[in-house]
PDB file of N, CA and C in Angstrom:
ATOM      1  N   MET A   1      -3.393  -3.475  17.132  1.00  0.00           N
ATOM      2  CA  MET A   1      -2.571  -2.661  16.254  1.00  0.00           C
ATOM      3  C   MET A   1      -1.277  -3.398  15.903  1.00  0.00           C
ATOM      4  N   GLN A   2      -0.703  -4.103  16.866  1.00  0.00           N
ATOM      5  CA  GLN A   2       0.554  -4.815  16.629  1.00  0.00           C
ATOM      6  C   GLN A   2       0.404  -5.836  15.505  1.00  0.00           C
ATOM      7  N   GLN A   3      -0.725  -6.545  15.474  1.00  0.00           N
ATOM      8  CA  GLN A   3      -0.951  -7.542  14.426  1.00  0.00           C
ATOM      9  C   GLN A   3      -0.918  -6.888  13.048  1.00  0.00           C
ATOM     10  N   TRP A   4      -1.559  -5.718  12.901  1.00  0.00           N
ATOM     11  CA  TRP A   4      -1.585  -5.039  11.608  1.00  0.00           C
ATOM     12  C   TRP A   4      -0.219  -4.504  11.232  1.00  0.00           C
ATOM     13  N   THR A   5       0.519  -4.004  12.200  1.00  0.00           N
ATOM     14  CA  THR A   5       1.867  -3.521  11.937  1.00  0.00           C
ATOM     15  C   THR A   5       2.734  -4.654  11.424  1.00  0.00           C
ATOM     16  N   SER A   6       2.604  -5.832  12.023  1.00  0.00           N
ATOM     17  CA  SER A   6       3.356  -6.998  11.571  1.00  0.00           C
ATOM     18  C   SER A   6       2.962  -7.385  10.159  1.00  0.00           C
ATOM     19  N   THR A   7       1.669  -7.287   9.853  1.00  0.00           N
ATOM     20  CA  THR A   7       1.190  -7.614   8.512  1.00  0.00           C
ATOM     21  C   THR A   7       1.806  -6.684   7.477  1.00  0.00           C
ATOM     22  N   VAL A   8       1.833  -5.406   7.783  1.00  0.00           N
ATOM     23  CA  VAL A   8       2.414  -4.424   6.855  1.00  0.00           C
ATOM     24  C   VAL A   8       3.899  -4.698   6.672  1.00  0.00           C
ATOM     25  N   SER A   9       4.592  -4.948   7.768  1.00  0.00           N
ATOM     26  CA  SER A   9       6.027  -5.239   7.682  1.00  0.00           C
ATOM     27  C   SER A   9       6.278  -6.480   6.846  1.00  0.00           C
ATOM     28  N   LEU A  10       5.452  -7.484   7.033  1.00  0.00           N
ATOM     29  CA  LEU A  10       5.585  -8.730   6.265  1.00  0.00           C
ATOM     30  C   LEU A  10       5.349  -8.450   4.785  1.00  0.00           C
ATOM     31  N   PHE A  11       4.316  -7.666   4.478  1.00  0.00           N
ATOM     32  CA  PHE A  11       4.015  -7.297   3.098  1.00  0.00           C
ATOM     33  C   PHE A  11       5.207  -6.595   2.461  1.00  0.00           C
ATOM     34  N   GLN A  12       5.749  -5.613   3.166  1.00  0.00           N
ATOM     35  CA  GLN A  12       6.861  -4.846   2.621  1.00  0.00           C
ATOM     36  C   GLN A  12       8.081  -5.724   2.396  1.00  0.00           C
ATOM     37  N   SER A  13       8.380  -6.567   3.348  1.00  0.00           N
ATOM     38  CA  SER A  13       9.534  -7.454   3.236  1.00  0.00           C
ATOM     39  C   SER A  13       9.372  -8.419   2.069  1.00  0.00           C
ATOM     40  N   ALA A  14       8.189  -9.018   1.967  1.00  0.00           N
ATOM     41  CA  ALA A  14       7.937  -9.972   0.884  1.00  0.00           C
ATOM     42  C   ALA A  14       8.011  -9.280  -0.476  1.00  0.00           C
ATOM     43  N   PHE A  15       7.432  -8.091  -0.569  1.00  0.00           N
ATOM     44  CA  PHE A  15       7.447  -7.389  -1.843  1.00  0.00           C
ATOM     45  C   PHE A  15       8.860  -7.071  -2.291  1.00  0.00           C
ATOM     46  N   PHE A  16       9.670  -6.543  -1.401  1.00  0.00           N
ATOM     47  CA  PHE A  16      11.006  -6.134  -1.807  1.00  0.00           C
ATOM     48  C   PHE A  16      11.897  -7.336  -2.100  1.00  0.00           C
ATOM     49  N   THR A  17      11.653  -8.465  -1.469  1.00  0.00           N
ATOM     50  CA  THR A  17      12.370  -9.690  -1.812  1.00  0.00           C
ATOM     51  C   THR A  17      11.981 -10.140  -3.211  1.00  0.00           C
ATOM     52  N   LEU A  18      10.674 -10.125  -3.487  1.00  0.00           N
ATOM     53  CA  LEU A  18      10.209 -10.487  -4.824  1.00  0.00           C
ATOM     54  C   LEU A  18      10.740  -9.528  -5.878  1.00  0.00           C
ATOM     55  N   ARG A  19      10.778  -8.278  -5.550  1.00  0.00           N
ATOM     56  CA  ARG A  19      11.265  -7.274  -6.506  1.00  0.00           C
ATOM     57  C   ARG A  19      12.673  -7.600  -6.969  1.00  0.00           C
ATOM     58  N   GLU A  20      13.517  -7.965  -6.045  1.00  0.00           N
ATOM     59  CA  GLU A  20      14.892  -8.282  -6.404  1.00  0.00           C
ATOM     60  C   GLU A  20      14.978  -9.554  -7.235  1.00  0.00           C
ATOM     61  N   ARG A  21      14.179 -10.549  -6.912  1.00  0.00           N
ATOM     62  CA  ARG A  21      14.230 -11.824  -7.634  1.00  0.00           C
ATOM     63  C   ARG A  21      13.600 -11.737  -9.019  1.00  0.00           C
ATOM     64  N   MET A  22      12.564 -10.941  -9.138  1.00  0.00           N
ATOM     65  CA  MET A  22      11.774 -10.957 -10.370  1.00  0.00           C
ATOM     66  C   MET A  22      11.672  -9.556 -10.975  1.00  0.00           C
ATOM     67  N   ARG A  23      12.707  -8.818 -10.907  1.00  0.00           N
ATOM     68  CA  ARG A  23      12.699  -7.419 -11.320  1.00  0.00           C
ATOM     69  C   ARG A  23      12.024  -7.199 -12.674  1.00  0.00           C
ATOM     70  N   ASN A  24      12.270  -8.034 -13.637  1.00  0.00           N
ATOM     71  CA  ASN A  24      11.718  -7.834 -14.973  1.00  0.00           C
ATOM     72  C   ASN A  24      10.432  -8.616 -15.227  1.00  0.00           C
ATOM     73  N   ARG A  25      10.026  -9.446 -14.300  1.00  0.00           N
ATOM     74  CA  ARG A  25       8.837 -10.266 -14.520  1.00  0.00           C
ATOM     75  C   ARG A  25       7.580  -9.673 -13.911  1.00  0.00           C
ATOM     76  N   ILE A  26       7.688  -8.938 -12.835  1.00  0.00           N
ATOM     77  CA  ILE A  26       6.518  -8.342 -12.207  1.00  0.00           C
ATOM     78  C   ILE A  26       6.199  -7.041 -12.930  1.00  0.00           C
ATOM     79  N   LYS A  27       4.992  -6.952 -13.444  1.00  0.00           N
ATOM     80  CA  LYS A  27       4.585  -5.769 -14.195  1.00  0.00           C
ATOM     81  C   LYS A  27       3.731  -4.827 -13.355  1.00  0.00           C
ATOM     82  N   GLY A  28       3.080  -5.350 -12.326  1.00  0.00           N
ATOM     83  CA  GLY A  28       2.221  -4.511 -11.510  1.00  0.00           C
ATOM     84  C   GLY A  28       1.903  -5.160 -10.184  1.00  0.00           C
ATOM     85  N   VAL A  29       1.416  -4.331  -9.273  1.00  0.00           N
ATOM     86  CA  VAL A  29       1.103  -4.778  -7.923  1.00  0.00           C
ATOM     87  C   VAL A  29      -0.247  -4.189  -7.524  1.00  0.00           C
ATOM     88  N   LEU A  30      -1.093  -5.015  -6.913  1.00  0.00           N
ATOM     89  CA  LEU A  30      -2.341  -4.541  -6.324  1.00  0.00           C
ATOM     90  C   LEU A  30      -2.159  -4.489  -4.815  1.00  0.00           C
ATOM     91  N   ILE A  31      -2.515  -3.366  -4.217  1.00  0.00           N
ATOM     92  CA  ILE A  31      -2.326  -3.175  -2.781  1.00  0.00           C
ATOM     93  C   ILE A  31      -3.679  -2.860  -2.152  1.00  0.00           C
ATOM     94  N   ASP A  32      -4.061  -3.655  -1.166  1.00  0.00           N
ATOM     95  CA  ASP A  32      -5.324  -3.420  -0.474  1.00  0.00           C
ATOM     96  C   ASP A  32      -5.199  -2.185   0.416  1.00  0.00           C
ATOM     97  N   LEU A  33      -6.238  -1.411   0.447  1.00  0.00           N
ATOM     98  CA  LEU A  33      -6.226  -0.181   1.235  1.00  0.00           C
ATOM     99  C   LEU A  33      -6.372  -0.455   2.732  1.00  0.00           C
ATOM    100  N   ASP A  34      -7.484  -1.068   3.114  1.00  0.00           N
ATOM    101  CA  ASP A  34      -7.786  -1.242   4.535  1.00  0.00           C
ATOM    102  C   ASP A  34      -7.020  -2.409   5.140  1.00  0.00           C
ATOM    103  N   GLY A  35      -6.291  -2.104   6.194  1.00  0.00           N
ATOM    104  CA  GLY A  35      -5.498  -3.114   6.884  1.00  0.00           C
ATOM    105  C   GLY A  35      -4.088  -3.240   6.349  1.00  0.00           C
ATOM    106  N   VAL A  36      -3.815  -2.623   5.207  1.00  0.00           N
ATOM    107  CA  VAL A  36      -2.466  -2.664   4.646  1.00  0.00           C
ATOM    108  C   VAL A  36      -1.884  -1.252   4.617  1.00  0.00           C
ATOM    109  N   LEU A  37      -2.538  -0.345   3.888  1.00  0.00           N
ATOM    110  CA  LEU A  37      -2.058   1.036   3.829  1.00  0.00           C
ATOM    111  C   LEU A  37      -2.579   1.890   4.972  1.00  0.00           C
ATOM    112  N   ARG A  38      -3.771   1.577   5.403  1.00  0.00           N
ATOM    113  CA  ARG A  38      -4.332   2.315   6.539  1.00  0.00           C
ATOM    114  C   ARG A  38      -5.104   1.373   7.440  1.00  0.00           C
ATOM    115  N   ILE A  39      -5.134   1.761   8.694  1.00  0.00           N
ATOM    116  CA  ILE A  39      -5.894   1.017   9.689  1.00  0.00           C
ATOM    117  C   ILE A  39      -6.862   2.017  10.304  1.00  0.00           C
ATOM    118  N   GLY A  40      -8.131   1.811  10.035  1.00  0.00           N
ATOM    119  CA  GLY A  40      -9.124   2.808  10.439  1.00  0.00           C
ATOM    120  C   GLY A  40      -8.889   4.073   9.650  1.00  0.00           C
ATOM    121  N   LYS A  41      -8.646   5.155  10.347  1.00  0.00           N
ATOM    122  CA  LYS A  41      -8.396   6.442   9.689  1.00  0.00           C
ATOM    123  C   LYS A  41      -6.939   6.864   9.791  1.00  0.00           C
ATOM    124  N   GLU A  42      -6.060   5.922  10.145  1.00  0.00           N
ATOM    125  CA  GLU A  42      -4.640   6.246  10.284  1.00  0.00           C
ATOM    126  C   GLU A  42      -3.803   5.449   9.292  1.00  0.00           C
ATOM    127  N   ALA A  43      -2.720   6.062   8.843  1.00  0.00           N
ATOM    128  CA  ALA A  43      -1.795   5.369   7.933  1.00  0.00           C
ATOM    129  C   ALA A  43      -1.064   4.267   8.691  1.00  0.00           C
ATOM    130  N   SER A  44      -0.874   3.156   8.038  1.00  0.00           N
ATOM    131  CA  SER A  44      -0.057   2.088   8.607  1.00  0.00           C
ATOM    132  C   SER A  44       1.396   2.540   8.639  1.00  0.00           C
ATOM    133  N   ARG A  45       2.113   2.039   9.601  1.00  0.00           N
ATOM    134  CA  ARG A  45       3.513   2.435   9.729  1.00  0.00           C
ATOM    135  C   ARG A  45       4.280   2.093   8.454  1.00  0.00           C
ATOM    136  N   ASN A  46       5.007   3.037   7.932  1.00  0.00           N
ATOM    137  CA  ASN A  46       5.854   2.910   6.739  1.00  0.00           C
ATOM    138  C   ASN A  46       5.081   2.749   5.434  1.00  0.00           C
ATOM    139  N   ALA A  47       3.771   2.869   5.471  1.00  0.00           N
ATOM    140  CA  ALA A  47       2.990   2.709   4.243  1.00  0.00           C
ATOM    141  C   ALA A  47       3.322   3.793   3.220  1.00  0.00           C
ATOM    142  N   ALA A  48       3.401   5.040   3.660  1.00  0.00           N
ATOM    143  CA  ALA A  48       3.726   6.124   2.729  1.00  0.00           C
ATOM    144  C   ALA A  48       5.121   5.935   2.148  1.00  0.00           C
ATOM    145  N   LYS A  49       6.042   5.476   2.976  1.00  0.00           N
ATOM    146  CA  LYS A  49       7.408   5.216   2.507  1.00  0.00           C
ATOM    147  C   LYS A  49       7.408   4.106   1.453  1.00  0.00           C
ATOM    148  N   ALA A  50       6.643   3.048   1.709  1.00  0.00           N
ATOM    149  CA  ALA A  50       6.569   1.937   0.749  1.00  0.00           C
ATOM    150  C   ALA A  50       5.980   2.402  -0.574  1.00  0.00           C
ATOM    151  N   LEU A  51       4.931   3.220  -0.526  1.00  0.00           N
ATOM    152  CA  LEU A  51       4.356   3.742  -1.769  1.00  0.00           C
ATOM    153  C   LEU A  51       5.346   4.641  -2.498  1.00  0.00           C
ATOM    154  N   GLY A  52       6.085   5.414  -1.742  1.00  0.00           N
ATOM    155  CA  GLY A  52       7.119   6.260  -2.352  1.00  0.00           C
ATOM    156  C   GLY A  52       8.150   5.426  -3.086  1.00  0.00           C
ATOM    157  N   MET A  53       8.525   4.311  -2.486  1.00  0.00           N
ATOM    158  CA  MET A  53       9.494   3.430  -3.135  1.00  0.00           C
ATOM    159  C   MET A  53       8.903   2.811  -4.400  1.00  0.00           C
ATOM    160  N   LEU A  54       7.624   2.464  -4.365  1.00  0.00           N
ATOM    161  CA  LEU A  54       6.971   1.926  -5.560  1.00  0.00           C
ATOM    162  C   LEU A  54       6.937   2.974  -6.674  1.00  0.00           C
ATOM    163  N   ARG A  55       6.678   4.209  -6.301  1.00  0.00           N
ATOM    164  CA  ARG A  55       6.609   5.290  -7.296  1.00  0.00           C
ATOM    165  C   ARG A  55       7.946   5.518  -7.992  1.00  0.00           C
ATOM    166  N   GLU A  56       9.033   5.178  -7.341  1.00  0.00           N
ATOM    167  CA  GLU A  56      10.367   5.367  -7.920  1.00  0.00           C
ATOM    168  C   GLU A  56      10.649   4.400  -9.068  1.00  0.00           C
ATOM    169  N   HIS A  57       9.900   3.318  -9.157  1.00  0.00           N
ATOM    170  CA  HIS A  57      10.155   2.307 -10.181  1.00  0.00           C
ATOM    171  C   HIS A  57       9.289   2.564 -11.400  1.00  0.00           C
ATOM    172  N   GLU A  58       9.921   3.032 -12.455  1.00  0.00           N
ATOM    173  CA  GLU A  58       9.204   3.426 -13.662  1.00  0.00           C
ATOM    174  C   GLU A  58       8.514   2.259 -14.353  1.00  0.00           C
ATOM    175  N   ASN A  59       9.055   1.068 -14.250  1.00  0.00           N
ATOM    176  CA  ASN A  59       8.509  -0.078 -14.967  1.00  0.00           C
ATOM    177  C   ASN A  59       7.555  -0.920 -14.127  1.00  0.00           C
ATOM    178  N   LEU A  60       7.135  -0.409 -12.984  1.00  0.00           N
ATOM    179  CA  LEU A  60       6.257  -1.161 -12.104  1.00  0.00           C
ATOM    180  C   LEU A  60       5.019  -0.331 -11.788  1.00  0.00           C
ATOM    181  N   ASP A  61       3.881  -0.777 -12.301  1.00  0.00           N
ATOM    182  CA  ASP A  61       2.619  -0.103 -12.014  1.00  0.00           C
ATOM    183  C   ASP A  61       2.041  -0.645 -10.721  1.00  0.00           C
ATOM    184  N   PHE A  62       1.294   0.176 -10.020  1.00  0.00           N
ATOM    185  CA  PHE A  62       0.568  -0.322  -8.862  1.00  0.00           C
ATOM    186  C   PHE A  62      -0.779   0.363  -8.773  1.00  0.00           C
ATOM    187  N   ARG A  63      -1.706  -0.344  -8.186  1.00  0.00           N
ATOM    188  CA  ARG A  63      -3.047   0.172  -7.959  1.00  0.00           C
ATOM    189  C   ARG A  63      -3.430  -0.140  -6.528  1.00  0.00           C
ATOM    190  N   ILE A  64      -4.151   0.787  -5.941  1.00  0.00           N
ATOM    191  CA  ILE A  64      -4.679   0.586  -4.593  1.00  0.00           C
ATOM    192  C   ILE A  64      -6.123   0.131  -4.765  1.00  0.00           C
ATOM    193  N   VAL A  65      -6.472  -0.958  -4.105  1.00  0.00           N
ATOM    194  CA  VAL A  65      -7.810  -1.528  -4.233  1.00  0.00           C
ATOM    195  C   VAL A  65      -8.469  -1.629  -2.859  1.00  0.00           C
ATOM    196  N   THR A  66      -9.793  -1.666  -2.878  1.00  0.00           N
ATOM    197  CA  THR A  66     -10.556  -1.848  -1.648  1.00  0.00           C
ATOM    198  C   THR A  66     -11.918  -2.414  -1.986  1.00  0.00           C
ATOM    199  N   ASN A  67     -12.496  -3.082  -1.027  1.00  0.00           N
ATOM    200  CA  ASN A  67     -13.862  -3.569  -1.206  1.00  0.00           C
ATOM    201  C   ASN A  67     -14.800  -2.882  -0.214  1.00  0.00           C
ATOM    202  N   THR A  68     -14.375  -1.741   0.309  1.00  0.00           N
ATOM    203  CA  THR A  68     -15.201  -1.024   1.277  1.00  0.00           C
ATOM    204  C   THR A  68     -16.461  -0.478   0.622  1.00  0.00           C
ATOM    205  N   THR A  69     -17.534  -0.505   1.372  1.00  0.00           N
ATOM    206  CA  THR A  69     -18.788   0.081   0.892  1.00  0.00           C
ATOM    207  C   THR A  69     -19.241   1.203   1.819  1.00  0.00           C
ATOM    208  N   THR A  70     -18.397   1.540   2.789  1.00  0.00           N
ATOM    209  CA  THR A  70     -18.785   2.554   3.766  1.00  0.00           C
ATOM    210  C   THR A  70     -18.314   3.953   3.393  1.00  0.00           C
ATOM    211  N   GLU A  71     -17.498   4.069   2.345  1.00  0.00           N
ATOM    212  CA  GLU A  71     -16.999   5.377   1.903  1.00  0.00           C
ATOM    213  C   GLU A  71     -17.114   5.482   0.387  1.00  0.00           C
ATOM    214  N   THR A  72     -17.383   6.683  -0.082  1.00  0.00           N
ATOM    215  CA  THR A  72     -17.357   6.912  -1.528  1.00  0.00           C
ATOM    216  C   THR A  72     -15.903   7.062  -1.959  1.00  0.00           C
ATOM    217  N   SER A  73     -15.661   7.007  -3.247  1.00  0.00           N
ATOM    218  CA  SER A  73     -14.285   7.171  -3.727  1.00  0.00           C
ATOM    219  C   SER A  73     -13.747   8.554  -3.374  1.00  0.00           C
ATOM    220  N   SER A  74     -14.573   9.563  -3.407  1.00  0.00           N
ATOM    221  CA  SER A  74     -14.138  10.915  -3.022  1.00  0.00           C
ATOM    222  C   SER A  74     -13.745  10.970  -1.553  1.00  0.00           C
ATOM    223  N   GLU A  75     -14.503  10.301  -0.705  1.00  0.00           N
ATOM    224  CA  GLU A  75     -14.178  10.261   0.722  1.00  0.00           C
ATOM    225  C   GLU A  75     -12.860   9.527   0.961  1.00  0.00           C
ATOM    226  N   ILE A  76     -12.640   8.459   0.211  1.00  0.00           N
ATOM    227  CA  ILE A  76     -11.385   7.709   0.344  1.00  0.00           C
ATOM    228  C   ILE A  76     -10.203   8.588  -0.044  1.00  0.00           C
ATOM    229  N   VAL A  77     -10.316   9.283  -1.164  1.00  0.00           N
ATOM    230  CA  VAL A  77      -9.240  10.174  -1.621  1.00  0.00           C
ATOM    231  C   VAL A  77      -8.967  11.244  -0.567  1.00  0.00           C
ATOM    232  N   SER A  78     -10.005  11.866  -0.060  1.00  0.00           N
ATOM    233  CA  SER A  78      -9.839  12.899   0.977  1.00  0.00           C
ATOM    234  C   SER A  78      -9.166  12.345   2.211  1.00  0.00           C
ATOM    235  N   SER A  79      -9.594  11.163   2.633  1.00  0.00           N
ATOM    236  CA  SER A  79      -9.012  10.567   3.843  1.00  0.00           C
ATOM    237  C   SER A  79      -7.550  10.225   3.631  1.00  0.00           C
ATOM    238  N   LEU A  80      -7.187   9.743   2.443  1.00  0.00           N
ATOM    239  CA  LEU A  80      -5.786   9.425   2.159  1.00  0.00           C
ATOM    240  C   LEU A  80      -4.933  10.694   2.136  1.00  0.00           C
ATOM    241  N   GLU A  81      -5.464  11.756   1.567  1.00  0.00           N
ATOM    242  CA  GLU A  81      -4.732  13.018   1.561  1.00  0.00           C
ATOM    243  C   GLU A  81      -4.522  13.539   2.983  1.00  0.00           C
ATOM    244  N   GLU A  82      -5.531  13.398   3.820  1.00  0.00           N
ATOM    245  CA  GLU A  82      -5.434  13.867   5.209  1.00  0.00           C
ATOM    246  C   GLU A  82      -4.369  13.140   6.006  1.00  0.00           C
ATOM    247  N   ILE A  83      -4.109  11.867   5.673  1.00  0.00           N
ATOM    248  CA  ILE A  83      -3.126  11.099   6.444  1.00  0.00           C
ATOM    249  C   ILE A  83      -1.774  11.007   5.751  1.00  0.00           C
ATOM    250  N   GLY A  84      -1.581  11.804   4.702  1.00  0.00           N
ATOM    251  CA  GLY A  84      -0.248  11.952   4.143  1.00  0.00           C
ATOM    252  C   GLY A  84       0.077  11.177   2.884  1.00  0.00           C
ATOM    253  N   PHE A  85      -0.927  10.654   2.213  1.00  0.00           N
ATOM    254  CA  PHE A  85      -0.642   9.938   0.965  1.00  0.00           C
ATOM    255  C   PHE A  85      -0.781  10.865  -0.223  1.00  0.00           C
TER     256      PHE A  85
END
């Protein structure tokens, strides 16, 4: 779990550094679901907060992506709602 928490923290730190440097150049962000926003069936630490911060930026689109084949899109949506997204 510690390794994944570090990965999420690194992602968040890198993103917000880039945001400040390239505020007008970045038009969108792709965020992987598994291992970044959630680990198993639990939300990654600060993931909901990071998404909230992304939502605050009107000029920055983001999409959540995954290559999972073990869940349907409806199951993914339900699971994300259950863990607070």
